[in-house]
Amino acid sequence: MSLKLQIFQVDAFTSKLFGGNPAAVVPLDAWLADETMLAIAAENNLAETAFFVKDSEQYDLRWFTPKVEVNLCGHATLASSHVIFNELKLESETIRFYSNRSGPLGVTKDGDKFVLDFPAYPMREIAPIPTLESAEFPPLKYWESQGNMLFLLMESQKVVSDLQVDMRKIETLPYDEVVITAKGEDCDFASRMFAPRLGIPEDPVTGAIHCSLIPYWAGVLGKTEMFARQVSARGGELFCEVAGDRVKIGGKAVLYLKGEIYV
């Protein structure tokens, strides 16, 4: 006998349909087997599928790409919040999430925005990587953060948005996620993110990388509140703030579909 589950797909970090980053959200009464959740995520074939289970006053939350479970995901957390607030009507203003990989997380509804309360992660500067130094637009600086992410400072927002990325070269780097960033032209800072090793060639909008980008750019720009863009083809808008050892990442979301799946 198959199990019938609700499923929602939400475009996150955007105010318009077909923008931002699409995430699937599957509310659960109890956890499914890991291999079942991974199979659902692979079937959805989106950057992330989020699953949550309500546990007393909080929601336990997990995220899967088509290939692996990940430690933190901003856009699928925002999408889950949209579902909890607007579709399931379970909360009014604030949601407490908990991830066994990244700890307590929070989301507050602020008008038509959802504001994520996430941990801030420092970046550690590293030596240049020879294979990238020979690129047409070599990075100006290199950092590591969040365990296995590589961050690269580029010359300008135009370079970030126009860069033609060689995915085969990205896959040879010993990092799960590669982020390029630059000071903004129509925003405070811009970025793009690539994770072919996780089954995500380019992620349209990535909340989690901003846990590292926000503290860095706040220091460079001398600001605690900033507006950021992820300049992928779909594009995304993020309202950013430093809050001690946490960051606030605000964004909008639009429901694309809701239905049922049978597993």
C-alpha atoms as a PDB file:
ATOM      1  CA  MET A   1       0.000   0.000   0.000  1.00  0.00           C
ATOM      2  CA  SER A   2       1.425   3.368  -1.023  1.00  0.00           C
ATOM      3  CA  LEU A   3       1.750   6.350   1.298  1.00  0.00           C
ATOM      4  CA  LYS A   4       0.057   9.576   0.133  1.00  0.00           C
ATOM      5  CA  LEU A   5       1.982  12.774   0.944  1.00  0.00           C
ATOM      6  CA  GLN A   6       1.376  16.455   0.287  1.00  0.00           C
ATOM      7  CA  ILE A   7       3.947  18.197  -1.874  1.00  0.00           C
ATOM      8  CA  PHE A   8       4.450  21.881  -2.677  1.00  0.00           C
ATOM      9  CA  GLN A   9       6.848  23.614  -5.065  1.00  0.00           C
ATOM     10  CA  VAL A  10       7.788  27.183  -4.219  1.00  0.00           C
ATOM     11  CA  ASP A  11       9.975  29.729  -6.022  1.00  0.00           C
ATOM     12  CA  ALA A  12      12.115  31.273  -3.255  1.00  0.00           C
ATOM     13  CA  PHE A  13      13.951  34.596  -3.025  1.00  0.00           C
ATOM     14  CA  THR A  14      11.761  36.150  -5.688  1.00  0.00           C
ATOM     15  CA  SER A  15       8.491  38.064  -5.981  1.00  0.00           C
ATOM     16  CA  LYS A  16       7.630  36.638  -9.404  1.00  0.00           C
ATOM     17  CA  LEU A  17       6.812  33.172 -10.625  1.00  0.00           C
ATOM     18  CA  PHE A  18       9.592  31.430 -12.586  1.00  0.00           C
ATOM     19  CA  GLY A  19      12.227  33.507 -10.782  1.00  0.00           C
ATOM     20  CA  GLY A  20      14.387  32.736  -7.784  1.00  0.00           C
ATOM     21  CA  ASN A  21      15.122  29.149  -6.808  1.00  0.00           C
ATOM     22  CA  PRO A  22      12.442  26.434  -6.940  1.00  0.00           C
ATOM     23  CA  ALA A  23      12.289  24.084  -3.952  1.00  0.00           C
ATOM     24  CA  ALA A  24       9.992  21.179  -3.215  1.00  0.00           C
ATOM     25  CA  VAL A  25       8.507  20.915   0.285  1.00  0.00           C
ATOM     26  CA  VAL A  26       7.088  17.688   1.734  1.00  0.00           C
ATOM     27  CA  PRO A  27       5.435  17.932   5.185  1.00  0.00           C
ATOM     28  CA  LEU A  28       5.623  14.668   7.162  1.00  0.00           C
ATOM     29  CA  ASP A  29       3.999  13.245  10.284  1.00  0.00           C
ATOM     30  CA  ALA A  30       7.088  11.082  10.877  1.00  0.00           C
ATOM     31  CA  TRP A  31      10.405  10.635   9.127  1.00  0.00           C
ATOM     32  CA  LEU A  32      10.612   8.371   6.113  1.00  0.00           C
ATOM     33  CA  ALA A  33      13.642   6.186   5.475  1.00  0.00           C
ATOM     34  CA  ASP A  34      16.600   8.224   4.244  1.00  0.00           C
ATOM     35  CA  GLU A  35      16.698   6.303   0.966  1.00  0.00           C
ATOM     36  CA  THR A  36      13.016   7.141   0.367  1.00  0.00           C
ATOM     37  CA  MET A  37      13.561  10.870   0.938  1.00  0.00           C
ATOM     38  CA  LEU A  38      16.595  10.799  -1.343  1.00  0.00           C
ATOM     39  CA  ALA A  39      14.554   8.991  -4.008  1.00  0.00           C
ATOM     40  CA  ILE A  40      11.806  11.645  -3.755  1.00  0.00           C
ATOM     41  CA  ALA A  41      14.415  14.396  -4.099  1.00  0.00           C
ATOM     42  CA  ALA A  42      15.925  12.661  -7.124  1.00  0.00           C
ATOM     43  CA  GLU A  43      12.461  12.278  -8.683  1.00  0.00           C
ATOM     44  CA  ASN A  44      11.749  15.999  -8.088  1.00  0.00           C
ATOM     45  CA  ASN A  45      15.109  16.825  -9.713  1.00  0.00           C
ATOM     46  CA  LEU A  46      15.313  20.248  -8.065  1.00  0.00           C
ATOM     47  CA  ALA A  47      18.312  21.688  -6.267  1.00  0.00           C
ATOM     48  CA  GLU A  48      16.693  20.793  -2.942  1.00  0.00           C
ATOM     49  CA  THR A  49      13.662  19.079  -1.524  1.00  0.00           C
ATOM     50  CA  ALA A  50      12.864  19.945   2.110  1.00  0.00           C
ATOM     51  CA  PHE A  51      11.135  17.576   4.541  1.00  0.00           C
ATOM     52  CA  PHE A  52       9.867  18.638   7.959  1.00  0.00           C
ATOM     53  CA  VAL A  53       8.227  17.001  10.968  1.00  0.00           C
ATOM     54  CA  LYS A  54       6.579  19.046  13.722  1.00  0.00           C
ATOM     55  CA  ASP A  55       8.063  18.224  17.134  1.00  0.00           C
ATOM     56  CA  SER A  56       6.316  20.042  19.985  1.00  0.00           C
ATOM     57  CA  GLU A  57       7.138  23.761  19.549  1.00  0.00           C
ATOM     58  CA  GLN A  58       9.544  23.368  16.650  1.00  0.00           C
ATOM     59  CA  TYR A  59       9.871  21.780  13.218  1.00  0.00           C
ATOM     60  CA  ASP A  60      12.677  19.324  12.549  1.00  0.00           C
ATOM     61  CA  LEU A  61      13.940  20.065   9.043  1.00  0.00           C
ATOM     62  CA  ARG A  62      16.119  18.213   6.522  1.00  0.00           C
ATOM     63  CA  TRP A  63      17.180  18.991   2.951  1.00  0.00           C
ATOM     64  CA  PHE A  64      18.144  16.682   0.069  1.00  0.00           C
ATOM     65  CA  THR A  65      19.614  17.355  -3.369  1.00  0.00           C
ATOM     66  CA  PRO A  66      19.062  14.722  -6.078  1.00  0.00           C
ATOM     67  CA  LYS A  67      22.272  13.081  -4.804  1.00  0.00           C
ATOM     68  CA  VAL A  68      22.882  13.802  -1.103  1.00  0.00           C
ATOM     69  CA  GLU A  69      21.536  15.250   2.151  1.00  0.00           C
ATOM     70  CA  VAL A  70      23.012  18.709   2.818  1.00  0.00           C
ATOM     71  CA  ASN A  71      23.927  20.512   6.038  1.00  0.00           C
ATOM     72  CA  LEU A  72      22.042  23.770   5.415  1.00  0.00           C
ATOM     73  CA  CYS A  73      19.753  25.185   2.742  1.00  0.00           C
ATOM     74  CA  GLY A  74      18.341  28.690   2.775  1.00  0.00           C
ATOM     75  CA  HIS A  75      15.946  28.706  -0.162  1.00  0.00           C
ATOM     76  CA  ALA A  76      14.254  25.428   0.815  1.00  0.00           C
ATOM     77  CA  THR A  77      13.912  26.716   4.399  1.00  0.00           C
ATOM     78  CA  LEU A  78      12.271  29.863   3.054  1.00  0.00           C
ATOM     79  CA  ALA A  79      10.023  27.695   0.849  1.00  0.00           C
ATOM     80  CA  SER A  80       9.086  25.540   3.871  1.00  0.00           C
ATOM     81  CA  SER A  81       8.203  28.694   5.798  1.00  0.00           C
ATOM     82  CA  HIS A  82       5.962  29.861   2.965  1.00  0.00           C
ATOM     83  CA  VAL A  83       4.138  26.525   3.091  1.00  0.00           C
ATOM     84  CA  ILE A  84       3.775  26.548   6.890  1.00  0.00           C
ATOM     85  CA  PHE A  85       2.617  30.177   7.066  1.00  0.00           C
ATOM     86  CA  ASN A  86       0.510  30.517   3.925  1.00  0.00           C
ATOM     87  CA  GLU A  87      -0.661  27.040   2.902  1.00  0.00           C
ATOM     88  CA  LEU A  88      -0.934  25.003   6.108  1.00  0.00           C
ATOM     89  CA  LYS A  89      -1.723  28.011   8.356  1.00  0.00           C
ATOM     90  CA  LEU A  90       0.201  26.409  11.227  1.00  0.00           C
ATOM     91  CA  GLU A  91       1.972  29.525  12.535  1.00  0.00           C
ATOM     92  CA  SER A  92       1.288  33.271  12.588  1.00  0.00           C
ATOM     93  CA  GLU A  93       4.589  35.174  12.799  1.00  0.00           C
ATOM     94  CA  THR A  94       7.568  33.025  13.818  1.00  0.00           C
ATOM     95  CA  ILE A  95       8.759  29.476  13.122  1.00  0.00           C
ATOM     96  CA  ARG A  96      11.400  27.597  15.072  1.00  0.00           C
ATOM     97  CA  PHE A  97      13.226  25.039  12.957  1.00  0.00           C
ATOM     98  CA  TYR A  98      15.869  22.587  14.099  1.00  0.00           C
ATOM     99  CA  SER A  99      18.425  20.810  11.922  1.00  0.00           C
ATOM    100  CA  ASN A 100      20.526  18.005  13.352  1.00  0.00           C
ATOM    101  CA  ARG A 101      23.299  19.228  11.031  1.00  0.00           C
ATOM    102  CA  SER A 102      23.220  22.998  11.573  1.00  0.00           C
ATOM    103  CA  GLY A 103      21.357  23.522  14.856  1.00  0.00           C
ATOM    104  CA  PRO A 104      18.500  25.916  15.663  1.00  0.00           C
ATOM    105  CA  LEU A 105      17.138  28.088  12.853  1.00  0.00           C
ATOM    106  CA  GLY A 106      14.357  30.641  12.848  1.00  0.00           C
ATOM    107  CA  VAL A 107      12.070  32.338  10.353  1.00  0.00           C
ATOM    108  CA  THR A 108       9.949  35.425  10.962  1.00  0.00           C
ATOM    109  CA  LYS A 109       7.201  36.677   8.686  1.00  0.00           C
ATOM    110  CA  ASP A 110       7.671  40.371   7.910  1.00  0.00           C
ATOM    111  CA  GLY A 111       4.925  41.567   5.586  1.00  0.00           C
ATOM    112  CA  ASP A 112       5.446  39.706   2.307  1.00  0.00           C
ATOM    113  CA  LYS A 113       9.007  38.725   3.244  1.00  0.00           C
ATOM    114  CA  PHE A 114      10.317  35.788   5.239  1.00  0.00           C
ATOM    115  CA  VAL A 115      13.438  36.502   7.301  1.00  0.00           C
ATOM    116  CA  LEU A 116      15.753  33.574   8.012  1.00  0.00           C
ATOM    117  CA  ASP A 117      17.784  33.569  11.243  1.00  0.00           C
ATOM    118  CA  PHE A 118      20.882  31.500  10.368  1.00  0.00           C
ATOM    119  CA  PRO A 119      24.379  31.048  11.833  1.00  0.00           C
ATOM    120  CA  ALA A 120      27.215  33.238  10.541  1.00  0.00           C
ATOM    121  CA  TYR A 121      30.301  31.418   9.275  1.00  0.00           C
ATOM    122  CA  PRO A 122      33.764  33.002   8.919  1.00  0.00           C
ATOM    123  CA  MET A 123      35.812  32.668   5.743  1.00  0.00           C
ATOM    124  CA  ARG A 124      39.479  31.660   5.862  1.00  0.00           C
ATOM    125  CA  GLU A 125      41.694  33.054   3.114  1.00  0.00           C
ATOM    126  CA  ILE A 126      43.769  30.451   1.274  1.00  0.00           C
ATOM    127  CA  ALA A 127      46.494  30.458  -1.378  1.00  0.00           C
ATOM    128  CA  PRO A 128      45.504  30.813  -5.041  1.00  0.00           C
ATOM    129  CA  ILE A 129      44.596  27.597  -6.865  1.00  0.00           C
ATOM    130  CA  PRO A 130      46.896  27.184  -9.901  1.00  0.00           C
ATOM    131  CA  THR A 131      44.231  25.768 -12.233  1.00  0.00           C
ATOM    132  CA  LEU A 132      42.085  28.872 -11.655  1.00  0.00           C
ATOM    133  CA  GLU A 133      44.948  31.357 -11.960  1.00  0.00           C
ATOM    134  CA  SER A 134      45.157  30.582 -15.671  1.00  0.00           C
ATOM    135  CA  ALA A 135      41.479  31.411 -16.277  1.00  0.00           C
ATOM    136  CA  GLU A 136      40.437  34.361 -18.445  1.00  0.00           C
ATOM    137  CA  PHE A 137      39.247  36.163 -15.313  1.00  0.00           C
ATOM    138  CA  PRO A 138      41.381  34.863 -12.435  1.00  0.00           C
ATOM    139  CA  PRO A 139      39.987  35.385  -8.918  1.00  0.00           C
ATOM    140  CA  LEU A 140      41.389  38.222  -6.816  1.00  0.00           C
ATOM    141  CA  LYS A 141      41.112  36.266  -3.541  1.00  0.00           C
ATOM    142  CA  TYR A 142      40.337  32.726  -2.395  1.00  0.00           C
ATOM    143  CA  TRP A 143      38.614  31.556   0.801  1.00  0.00           C
ATOM    144  CA  GLU A 144      37.255  28.396   2.374  1.00  0.00           C
ATOM    145  CA  SER A 145      34.167  28.299   4.591  1.00  0.00           C
ATOM    146  CA  GLN A 146      31.489  25.968   5.951  1.00  0.00           C
ATOM    147  CA  GLY A 147      33.685  22.909   5.716  1.00  0.00           C
ATOM    148  CA  ASN A 148      33.862  22.294   1.991  1.00  0.00           C
ATOM    149  CA  MET A 149      32.942  25.526   0.186  1.00  0.00           C
ATOM    150  CA  LEU A 150      35.302  27.575  -1.967  1.00  0.00           C
ATOM    151  CA  PHE A 151      34.671  31.323  -2.282  1.00  0.00           C
ATOM    152  CA  LEU A 152      36.297  33.404  -5.021  1.00  0.00           C
ATOM    153  CA  LEU A 153      36.404  37.211  -5.191  1.00  0.00           C
ATOM    154  CA  MET A 154      36.012  38.487  -8.755  1.00  0.00           C
ATOM    155  CA  GLU A 155      36.744  41.879 -10.279  1.00  0.00           C
ATOM    156  CA  SER A 156      33.156  43.077 -10.794  1.00  0.00           C
ATOM    157  CA  GLN A 157      29.484  42.120 -10.792  1.00  0.00           C
ATOM    158  CA  LYS A 158      29.626  42.040 -14.607  1.00  0.00           C
ATOM    159  CA  VAL A 159      32.369  39.416 -14.503  1.00  0.00           C
ATOM    160  CA  VAL A 160      30.317  37.360 -12.043  1.00  0.00           C
ATOM    161  CA  SER A 161      27.143  37.543 -14.147  1.00  0.00           C
ATOM    162  CA  ASP A 162      28.833  37.023 -17.550  1.00  0.00           C
ATOM    163  CA  LEU A 163      31.335  34.319 -16.590  1.00  0.00           C
ATOM    164  CA  GLN A 164      31.073  31.141 -18.675  1.00  0.00           C
ATOM    165  CA  VAL A 165      31.896  28.428 -16.154  1.00  0.00           C
ATOM    166  CA  ASP A 166      33.610  25.182 -17.162  1.00  0.00           C
ATOM    167  CA  MET A 167      31.706  22.606 -15.095  1.00  0.00           C
ATOM    168  CA  ARG A 168      34.300  19.922 -15.805  1.00  0.00           C
ATOM    169  CA  LYS A 169      36.964  22.117 -14.241  1.00  0.00           C
ATOM    170  CA  ILE A 170      34.703  22.896 -11.274  1.00  0.00           C
ATOM    171  CA  GLU A 171      34.161  19.169 -10.711  1.00  0.00           C
ATOM    172  CA  THR A 172      37.913  18.579 -10.475  1.00  0.00           C
ATOM    173  CA  LEU A 173      38.214  20.983  -7.518  1.00  0.00           C
ATOM    174  CA  PRO A 174      38.131  19.355  -4.051  1.00  0.00           C
ATOM    175  CA  TYR A 175      35.038  21.351  -3.000  1.00  0.00           C
ATOM    176  CA  ASP A 176      31.337  20.534  -2.981  1.00  0.00           C
ATOM    177  CA  GLU A 177      30.318  24.150  -3.656  1.00  0.00           C
ATOM    178  CA  VAL A 178      32.161  26.909  -5.524  1.00  0.00           C
ATOM    179  CA  VAL A 179      30.972  30.505  -5.071  1.00  0.00           C
ATOM    180  CA  ILE A 180      32.020  33.588  -7.027  1.00  0.00           C
ATOM    181  CA  THR A 181      31.254  37.034  -5.646  1.00  0.00           C
ATOM    182  CA  ALA A 182      31.970  40.709  -6.272  1.00  0.00           C
ATOM    183  CA  LYS A 183      30.953  44.143  -5.082  1.00  0.00           C
ATOM    184  CA  GLY A 184      27.592  45.026  -6.580  1.00  0.00           C
ATOM    185  CA  GLU A 185      26.663  47.561  -9.220  1.00  0.00           C
ATOM    186  CA  ASP A 186      22.878  47.563  -8.692  1.00  0.00           C
ATOM    187  CA  CYS A 187      23.160  45.961  -5.245  1.00  0.00           C
ATOM    188  CA  ASP A 188      25.659  45.803  -2.371  1.00  0.00           C
ATOM    189  CA  PHE A 189      27.186  42.504  -3.515  1.00  0.00           C
ATOM    190  CA  ALA A 190      26.508  39.820  -6.097  1.00  0.00           C
ATOM    191  CA  SER A 191      27.221  36.117  -6.308  1.00  0.00           C
ATOM    192  CA  ARG A 192      26.745  32.825  -8.169  1.00  0.00           C
ATOM    193  CA  MET A 193      27.130  29.250  -6.892  1.00  0.00           C
ATOM    194  CA  PHE A 194      28.081  25.991  -8.607  1.00  0.00           C
ATOM    195  CA  ALA A 195      27.852  22.497  -7.114  1.00  0.00           C
ATOM    196  CA  PRO A 196      28.029  19.834  -9.863  1.00  0.00           C
ATOM    197  CA  ARG A 197      29.426  17.305  -7.376  1.00  0.00           C
ATOM    198  CA  LEU A 198      26.119  17.578  -5.468  1.00  0.00           C
ATOM    199  CA  GLY A 199      24.003  17.269  -8.600  1.00  0.00           C
ATOM    200  CA  ILE A 200      23.491  21.050  -8.915  1.00  0.00           C
ATOM    201  CA  PRO A 201      25.429  22.523 -11.880  1.00  0.00           C
ATOM    202  CA  GLU A 202      24.361  26.072 -10.934  1.00  0.00           C
ATOM    203  CA  ASP A 203      22.077  26.899  -8.031  1.00  0.00           C
ATOM    204  CA  PRO A 204      19.785  29.820  -8.976  1.00  0.00           C
ATOM    205  CA  VAL A 205      19.721  31.360  -5.459  1.00  0.00           C
ATOM    206  CA  THR A 206      21.543  30.025  -2.409  1.00  0.00           C
ATOM    207  CA  GLY A 207      20.666  31.232   1.080  1.00  0.00           C
ATOM    208  CA  ALA A 208      23.333  29.178   2.867  1.00  0.00           C
ATOM    209  CA  ILE A 209      26.315  30.764   1.100  1.00  0.00           C
ATOM    210  CA  HIS A 210      25.156  34.121   2.449  1.00  0.00           C
ATOM    211  CA  CYS A 211      25.971  32.884   5.960  1.00  0.00           C
ATOM    212  CA  SER A 212      29.572  33.488   4.871  1.00  0.00           C
ATOM    213  CA  LEU A 213      29.089  36.292   2.338  1.00  0.00           C
ATOM    214  CA  ILE A 214      27.115  38.597   4.641  1.00  0.00           C
ATOM    215  CA  PRO A 215      29.802  38.896   7.386  1.00  0.00           C
ATOM    216  CA  TYR A 216      32.526  39.367   4.764  1.00  0.00           C
ATOM    217  CA  TRP A 217      30.772  42.079   2.771  1.00  0.00           C
ATOM    218  CA  ALA A 218      29.545  43.803   5.937  1.00  0.00           C
ATOM    219  CA  GLY A 219      33.195  44.217   6.933  1.00  0.00           C
ATOM    220  CA  VAL A 220      34.273  45.401   3.495  1.00  0.00           C
ATOM    221  CA  LEU A 221      31.378  47.831   2.999  1.00  0.00           C
ATOM    222  CA  GLY A 222      31.089  48.970   6.619  1.00  0.00           C
ATOM    223  CA  LYS A 223      27.352  48.185   6.668  1.00  0.00           C
ATOM    224  CA  THR A 224      25.184  45.904   8.792  1.00  0.00           C
ATOM    225  CA  GLU A 225      22.222  45.864   6.375  1.00  0.00           C
ATOM    226  CA  MET A 226      22.697  45.072   2.695  1.00  0.00           C
ATOM    227  CA  PHE A 227      20.804  44.113  -0.450  1.00  0.00           C
ATOM    228  CA  ALA A 228      22.311  41.246  -2.452  1.00  0.00           C
ATOM    229  CA  ARG A 229      21.615  39.651  -5.798  1.00  0.00           C
ATOM    230  CA  GLN A 230      22.421  36.161  -6.998  1.00  0.00           C
ATOM    231  CA  VAL A 231      22.928  36.844 -10.685  1.00  0.00           C
ATOM    232  CA  SER A 232      22.029  33.450 -12.142  1.00  0.00           C
ATOM    233  CA  ALA A 233      19.730  33.173 -15.157  1.00  0.00           C
ATOM    234  CA  ARG A 234      16.635  33.046 -12.903  1.00  0.00           C
ATOM    235  CA  GLY A 235      18.036  35.634 -10.494  1.00  0.00           C
ATOM    236  CA  GLY A 236      17.377  36.166  -6.823  1.00  0.00           C
ATOM    237  CA  GLU A 237      17.051  39.005  -4.306  1.00  0.00           C
ATOM    238  CA  LEU A 238      18.213  38.748  -0.690  1.00  0.00           C
ATOM    239  CA  PHE A 239      17.804  41.294   2.105  1.00  0.00           C
ATOM    240  CA  CYS A 240      20.791  40.760   4.387  1.00  0.00           C
ATOM    241  CA  GLU A 241      21.763  41.781   7.919  1.00  0.00           C
ATOM    242  CA  VAL A 242      24.540  40.959  10.389  1.00  0.00           C
ATOM    243  CA  ALA A 243      23.219  40.111  13.865  1.00  0.00           C
ATOM    244  CA  GLY A 244      26.171  39.211  16.101  1.00  0.00           C
ATOM    245  CA  ASP A 245      27.124  35.595  15.440  1.00  0.00           C
ATOM    246  CA  ARG A 246      23.989  35.172  13.313  1.00  0.00           C
ATOM    247  CA  VAL A 247      22.824  36.542   9.979  1.00  0.00           C
ATOM    248  CA  LYS A 248      19.349  37.546   8.839  1.00  0.00           C
ATOM    249  CA  ILE A 249      18.464  36.637   5.250  1.00  0.00           C
ATOM    250  CA  GLY A 250      15.166  37.996   3.987  1.00  0.00           C
ATOM    251  CA  GLY A 251      13.335  37.068   0.823  1.00  0.00           C
ATOM    252  CA  LYS A 252       9.969  36.628  -0.830  1.00  0.00           C
ATOM    253  CA  ALA A 253       8.401  33.460  -2.229  1.00  0.00           C
ATOM    254  CA  VAL A 254       5.736  32.410  -4.729  1.00  0.00           C
ATOM    255  CA  LEU A 255       3.792  29.135  -4.769  1.00  0.00           C
ATOM    256  CA  TYR A 256       4.081  27.263  -8.089  1.00  0.00           C
ATOM    257  CA  LEU A 257       2.254  23.999  -7.400  1.00  0.00           C
ATOM    258  CA  LYS A 258       0.713  21.798  -4.742  1.00  0.00           C
ATOM    259  CA  GLY A 259      -0.429  18.236  -4.996  1.00  0.00           C
ATOM    260  CA  GLU A 260       0.046  14.681  -3.765  1.00  0.00           C
ATOM    261  CA  ILE A 261       2.723  12.074  -4.256  1.00  0.00           C
ATOM    262  CA  TYR A 262       2.471   8.333  -3.656  1.00  0.00           C
ATOM    263  CA  VAL A 263       5.457   6.437  -2.294  1.00  0.00           C
END
